[in-house]
Protein backbone atom coordinates (compact mmCIF):
# COMPACT_ATOMS: atom_id res chain seq x y z
CA MET A 1 8.43 123.97 -4.63
CA PHE A 2 4.92 124.47 -6.07
CA THR A 3 5.84 122.41 -9.14
CA GLU A 4 7.02 119.52 -6.98
CA ILE A 5 3.87 119.67 -4.81
CA THR A 6 1.62 119.67 -7.89
CA SER A 7 3.51 116.73 -9.43
CA TRP A 8 3.23 114.78 -6.18
CA ILE A 9 -0.52 115.42 -5.93
CA ALA A 10 -0.98 114.35 -9.57
CA SER A 11 0.87 111.11 -8.89
CA ILE A 12 -1.20 110.11 -5.85
CA VAL A 13 -4.63 110.98 -7.27
CA GLY A 14 -4.03 109.69 -10.80
CA MET A 15 -4.89 112.94 -12.57
CA THR A 16 -2.84 114.30 -15.45
CA ILE A 17 -1.39 117.82 -15.24
CA GLY A 18 -2.79 119.71 -18.20
CA GLY A 19 -5.81 117.40 -18.35
CA ARG A 20 -8.15 117.20 -15.40
CA LEU A 21 -5.48 118.67 -13.11
CA VAL A 22 -4.59 122.29 -13.86
CA PHE A 23 -1.34 123.92 -12.71
CA GLY A 24 -1.35 127.52 -11.47
CA HIS A 25 -4.31 129.03 -13.33
CA ARG A 26 -7.17 127.91 -15.55
CA LEU A 27 -7.22 128.83 -19.19
CA GLN A 28 -10.36 129.44 -21.25
CA THR A 29 -9.61 126.09 -22.88
CA SER A 30 -9.43 124.13 -19.60
CA GLU A 31 -11.83 121.21 -19.38
CA ASP A 32 -15.25 121.83 -17.80
CA ARG A 33 -14.40 119.16 -15.25
CA CYS A 34 -11.05 120.00 -13.72
CA VAL A 35 -9.18 120.68 -10.50
CA LEU A 36 -7.05 123.82 -10.28
CA LEU A 37 -4.03 123.75 -7.97
CA SER A 38 -2.77 127.23 -7.18
CA GLU A 39 -0.47 128.98 -4.77
CA SER A 40 -2.37 130.71 -2.00
CA ALA A 41 -1.43 133.69 0.13
CA GLY A 42 -0.50 133.52 3.78
CA GLY A 43 2.38 131.05 3.90
CA SER A 44 5.25 131.80 6.23
CA THR A 45 8.95 131.28 6.65
CA VAL A 46 10.96 130.41 9.73
CA PRO A 47 13.83 132.93 10.09
CA GLU A 48 15.87 130.57 12.28
CA LEU A 49 15.58 127.80 9.66
CA PRO A 50 16.21 129.26 6.20
CA ASP A 51 15.42 125.98 4.42
CA ARG A 52 11.96 125.74 6.04
CA ALA A 53 8.65 127.30 4.86
CA ASP A 54 4.90 126.82 5.19
CA VAL A 55 3.36 126.72 1.73
CA LEU A 56 -0.36 127.24 1.23
CA ILE A 57 -1.98 125.49 -1.73
CA GLN A 58 -5.59 125.86 -2.85
CA ALA A 59 -7.48 123.23 -4.82
CA VAL A 60 -10.63 124.29 -6.68
CA SER A 61 -12.69 121.67 -8.49
CA ARG A 62 -15.35 122.46 -11.02
CA ALA A 63 -17.72 120.44 -13.16
CA ARG A 64 -21.08 120.74 -14.88
CA LYS A 65 -22.46 118.18 -12.42
CA TYR A 66 -22.42 119.02 -8.70
CA LYS A 67 -21.62 115.41 -7.80
CA GLU A 68 -18.54 115.30 -10.07
CA ALA A 69 -17.06 118.54 -8.69
CA ARG A 70 -17.68 117.29 -5.15
CA GLU A 71 -16.17 113.88 -5.91
CA ASP A 72 -13.00 115.43 -7.36
CA ILE A 73 -12.34 117.76 -4.43
CA TRP A 74 -12.93 115.00 -1.89
CA THR A 75 -10.53 112.75 -3.84
CA ILE A 76 -7.84 115.44 -3.46
CA TYR A 77 -8.70 116.02 0.21
CA ARG A 78 -8.58 112.34 1.18
CA ALA A 79 -5.30 111.76 -0.66
CA VAL A 80 -3.48 114.81 0.70
CA HIS A 81 -4.82 115.71 4.18
CA GLY A 82 -2.95 114.28 7.13
CA ARG A 83 0.11 113.08 5.22
CA ALA A 84 3.60 113.45 6.66
CA GLY A 85 7.22 112.72 5.83
CA ILE A 86 6.78 112.94 2.06
CA ASN A 87 9.96 113.25 0.00
CA MET A 88 9.58 115.29 -3.21
CA ALA A 89 12.49 115.27 -5.64
CA ARG A 90 13.22 118.62 -7.27
CA ILE A 91 11.91 118.61 -10.82
CA ASP A 92 14.93 120.50 -12.14
CA GLY A 93 17.45 118.51 -10.08
CA SER A 94 19.01 121.76 -8.83
CA GLY A 95 19.45 120.84 -5.20
CA PRO A 96 18.35 118.63 -2.35
CA ASP A 97 14.90 117.11 -2.35
CA TYR A 98 12.05 118.82 -0.55
CA LEU A 99 10.51 117.19 2.49
CA ALA A 100 6.87 117.74 3.41
CA ASN A 101 7.03 117.40 7.17
CA THR A 102 3.25 117.54 7.52
CA ILE A 103 0.37 118.34 5.19
CA ASP A 104 -2.98 119.43 6.57
CA ALA A 105 -6.21 120.85 5.19
CA LEU A 106 -7.26 124.09 6.84
CA ALA A 107 -10.90 122.87 6.71
CA ILE A 108 -12.92 120.25 4.89
CA PRO A 109 -13.86 120.98 1.26
CA GLN A 110 -16.51 123.65 0.85
CA TYR A 111 -19.01 124.34 -1.93
CA ILE A 112 -18.37 127.85 -3.27
CA GLY A 113 -21.22 127.94 -5.77
CA PRO A 114 -21.50 127.99 -9.53
CA ASP A 115 -19.09 129.91 -11.76
CA ASP A 116 -20.27 132.35 -14.44
CA GLN A 117 -21.05 129.42 -16.77
CA GLY A 118 -23.06 127.47 -14.22
CA ARG A 119 -20.35 124.91 -13.40
CA HIS A 120 -20.28 123.87 -9.75
CA GLU A 121 -17.13 124.66 -7.74
CA PHE A 122 -15.66 123.36 -4.49
CA SER A 123 -12.53 124.54 -2.71
CA VAL A 124 -10.10 123.26 -0.09
CA ASN A 125 -6.87 124.81 1.21
CA PHE A 126 -3.81 122.96 2.47
CA ILE A 127 -0.74 123.93 4.43
CA PHE A 128 2.43 122.10 3.41
CA ARG A 129 5.12 122.44 6.11
CA MET A 130 8.15 122.08 3.84
CA GLN A 131 11.92 122.05 4.13
CA GLU A 132 14.90 121.09 2.05
CA GLY A 133 15.90 117.51 2.64
CA SER A 134 19.45 118.51 3.50
CA CYS A 135 21.29 121.73 3.93
CA THR A 136 23.71 122.44 1.08
CA GLU A 137 25.06 125.71 2.40
CA LEU A 138 25.67 126.99 5.90
CA PRO A 139 24.33 130.48 6.64
């Protein structure tokens, strides 16, 4: 599901995965100006609905210039926060599409300070209330 969410975000903000948009974790070779999308702790499942889960995603932007890091995180925030009813096809085609019922930021983007190389960083966390688009198997 994380792969599909990342691909969807890339498509709506016009950033390339592996370029300015980084999937999962940053490498030493990642660009100075980039946005990391990573899985965050604290999501939940709904026992009564096995195809439903809340997925937490963190976006962390960084750049040498404060204004660029801030601009990137706010671009992500404005594109993602408050969306609903988003269909996300499975990348591997293994089953029904995912449906993002609602997507909300937990707070507005926050400045988290410079990293160890003096690049400015901002962070925002989202909750994606996800489910499979259709049930393929009865419990």
